[in-house]
């Protein structure tokens, strides 16, 4: 699959603590707690569902509709 424009790269996200959870949300969101996240890079460009499926080499679950809409979440399959 070809893209209509080239990828611009990745943005570095530094390691650090962040607060996760909710005291006012669903029961499975509690408790509010601090979590350490190692440094990582985040793609600057959005990825479409079709591009993700092509990169996943058939590992996408069948319930994921392909197309030009953005891929909002990524899970482990």
C-alpha atoms as a PDB file:
ATOM      1  CA  UNK A   1       0.000   0.000   0.000  1.00  0.00           C
ATOM      2  CA  UNK A   2       1.382   3.419  -0.855  1.00  0.00           C
ATOM      3  CA  UNK A   3       0.829   6.550   1.181  1.00  0.00           C
ATOM      4  CA  UNK A   4      -0.274   9.840  -0.327  1.00  0.00           C
ATOM      5  CA  UNK A   5       2.506  11.603   1.601  1.00  0.00           C
ATOM      6  CA  UNK A   6       5.752  10.460   3.229  1.00  0.00           C
ATOM      7  CA  UNK A   7       5.982   9.639   6.908  1.00  0.00           C
ATOM      8  CA  UNK A   8       7.525  12.370   9.033  1.00  0.00           C
ATOM      9  CA  UNK A   9       8.986  10.168  11.742  1.00  0.00           C
ATOM     10  CA  UNK A  10       8.661   9.677  15.442  1.00  0.00           C
ATOM     11  CA  UNK A  11       8.503  11.962  18.475  1.00  0.00           C
ATOM     12  CA  UNK A  12      10.550  10.903  21.505  1.00  0.00           C
ATOM     13  CA  UNK A  13       8.491  10.505  24.687  1.00  0.00           C
ATOM     14  CA  UNK A  14      10.694  10.708  27.793  1.00  0.00           C
ATOM     15  CA  UNK A  15      10.542   8.220  30.636  1.00  0.00           C
ATOM     16  CA  UNK A  16       8.685   9.321  33.728  1.00  0.00           C
ATOM     17  CA  UNK A  17       5.841   8.904  36.177  1.00  0.00           C
ATOM     18  CA  UNK A  18       2.218   9.588  35.356  1.00  0.00           C
ATOM     19  CA  UNK A  19      -1.013   9.309  37.303  1.00  0.00           C
ATOM     20  CA  UNK A  20      -3.360   6.584  36.088  1.00  0.00           C
ATOM     21  CA  UNK A  21      -6.862   5.670  37.189  1.00  0.00           C
ATOM     22  CA  UNK A  22      -9.954   7.462  38.375  1.00  0.00           C
ATOM     23  CA  UNK A  23     -11.638   7.978  41.709  1.00  0.00           C
ATOM     24  CA  UNK A  24     -14.901   8.943  39.986  1.00  0.00           C
ATOM     25  CA  UNK A  25     -14.964   6.539  37.037  1.00  0.00           C
ATOM     26  CA  UNK A  26     -15.787   2.867  36.607  1.00  0.00           C
ATOM     27  CA  UNK A  27     -14.802   0.431  39.397  1.00  0.00           C
ATOM     28  CA  UNK A  28     -12.083  -1.128  37.228  1.00  0.00           C
ATOM     29  CA  UNK A  29     -10.421   2.306  36.839  1.00  0.00           C
ATOM     30  CA  UNK A  30      -9.690   2.658  40.572  1.00  0.00           C
ATOM     31  CA  UNK A  31      -7.592   3.378  42.459  1.00  0.00           C
ATOM     32  CA  UNK A  32      -5.690   6.388  41.212  1.00  0.00           C
ATOM     33  CA  UNK A  33      -2.026   5.414  41.258  1.00  0.00           C
ATOM     34  CA  UNK A  34       1.360   6.420  39.870  1.00  0.00           C
ATOM     35  CA  UNK A  35       2.847   4.384  37.037  1.00  0.00           C
ATOM     36  CA  UNK A  36       6.383   4.488  35.608  1.00  0.00           C
ATOM     37  CA  UNK A  37       6.682   4.430  31.823  1.00  0.00           C
ATOM     38  CA  UNK A  38      10.006   3.843  30.063  1.00  0.00           C
ATOM     39  CA  UNK A  39      11.006   6.171  27.243  1.00  0.00           C
ATOM     40  CA  UNK A  40       9.520   5.344  23.842  1.00  0.00           C
ATOM     41  CA  UNK A  41       8.861   6.878  20.450  1.00  0.00           C
ATOM     42  CA  UNK A  42       5.403   7.751  19.157  1.00  0.00           C
ATOM     43  CA  UNK A  43       4.635   7.903  15.442  1.00  0.00           C
ATOM     44  CA  UNK A  44       3.829  11.444  14.366  1.00  0.00           C
ATOM     45  CA  UNK A  45       1.640  10.375  11.453  1.00  0.00           C
ATOM     46  CA  UNK A  46      -1.711   8.650  11.911  1.00  0.00           C
ATOM     47  CA  UNK A  47      -1.980   5.091  10.628  1.00  0.00           C
ATOM     48  CA  UNK A  48      -5.098   3.900   8.841  1.00  0.00           C
ATOM     49  CA  UNK A  49      -6.713   0.575   9.636  1.00  0.00           C
ATOM     50  CA  UNK A  50      -5.713  -0.727   6.201  1.00  0.00           C
ATOM     51  CA  UNK A  51      -2.060   0.260   6.760  1.00  0.00           C
ATOM     52  CA  UNK A  52      -2.060  -1.388  10.192  1.00  0.00           C
ATOM     53  CA  UNK A  53      -3.549  -4.581   8.788  1.00  0.00           C
ATOM     54  CA  UNK A  54      -0.916  -4.675   6.042  1.00  0.00           C
ATOM     55  CA  UNK A  55       1.825  -4.249   8.633  1.00  0.00           C
ATOM     56  CA  UNK A  56       0.314  -6.839  10.982  1.00  0.00           C
ATOM     57  CA  UNK A  57       0.620  -9.555   8.316  1.00  0.00           C
ATOM     58  CA  UNK A  58      -2.762 -11.149   8.985  1.00  0.00           C
ATOM     59  CA  UNK A  59      -2.685 -10.835  12.779  1.00  0.00           C
ATOM     60  CA  UNK A  60      -5.520  -8.297  12.972  1.00  0.00           C
ATOM     61  CA  UNK A  61      -8.734  -9.734  14.394  1.00  0.00           C
ATOM     62  CA  UNK A  62     -11.520 -10.204  11.828  1.00  0.00           C
ATOM     63  CA  UNK A  63     -13.839  -7.770  13.637  1.00  0.00           C
ATOM     64  CA  UNK A  64     -11.604  -4.798  12.706  1.00  0.00           C
ATOM     65  CA  UNK A  65     -13.005  -3.085   9.621  1.00  0.00           C
ATOM     66  CA  UNK A  66     -10.321  -1.960   7.198  1.00  0.00           C
ATOM     67  CA  UNK A  67     -10.284   1.293   5.319  1.00  0.00           C
ATOM     68  CA  UNK A  68      -9.046   4.843   5.406  1.00  0.00           C
ATOM     69  CA  UNK A  69     -10.313   5.673   8.897  1.00  0.00           C
ATOM     70  CA  UNK A  70      -7.614   6.200  11.541  1.00  0.00           C
ATOM     71  CA  UNK A  71      -6.559   3.414  13.861  1.00  0.00           C
ATOM     72  CA  UNK A  72      -7.302   4.704  17.372  1.00  0.00           C
ATOM     73  CA  UNK A  73      -6.166   1.816  19.546  1.00  0.00           C
ATOM     74  CA  UNK A  74      -3.580  -0.885  19.337  1.00  0.00           C
ATOM     75  CA  UNK A  75      -3.768  -4.092  21.304  1.00  0.00           C
ATOM     76  CA  UNK A  76      -1.831  -7.304  21.548  1.00  0.00           C
ATOM     77  CA  UNK A  77      -3.176  -9.984  19.218  1.00  0.00           C
END
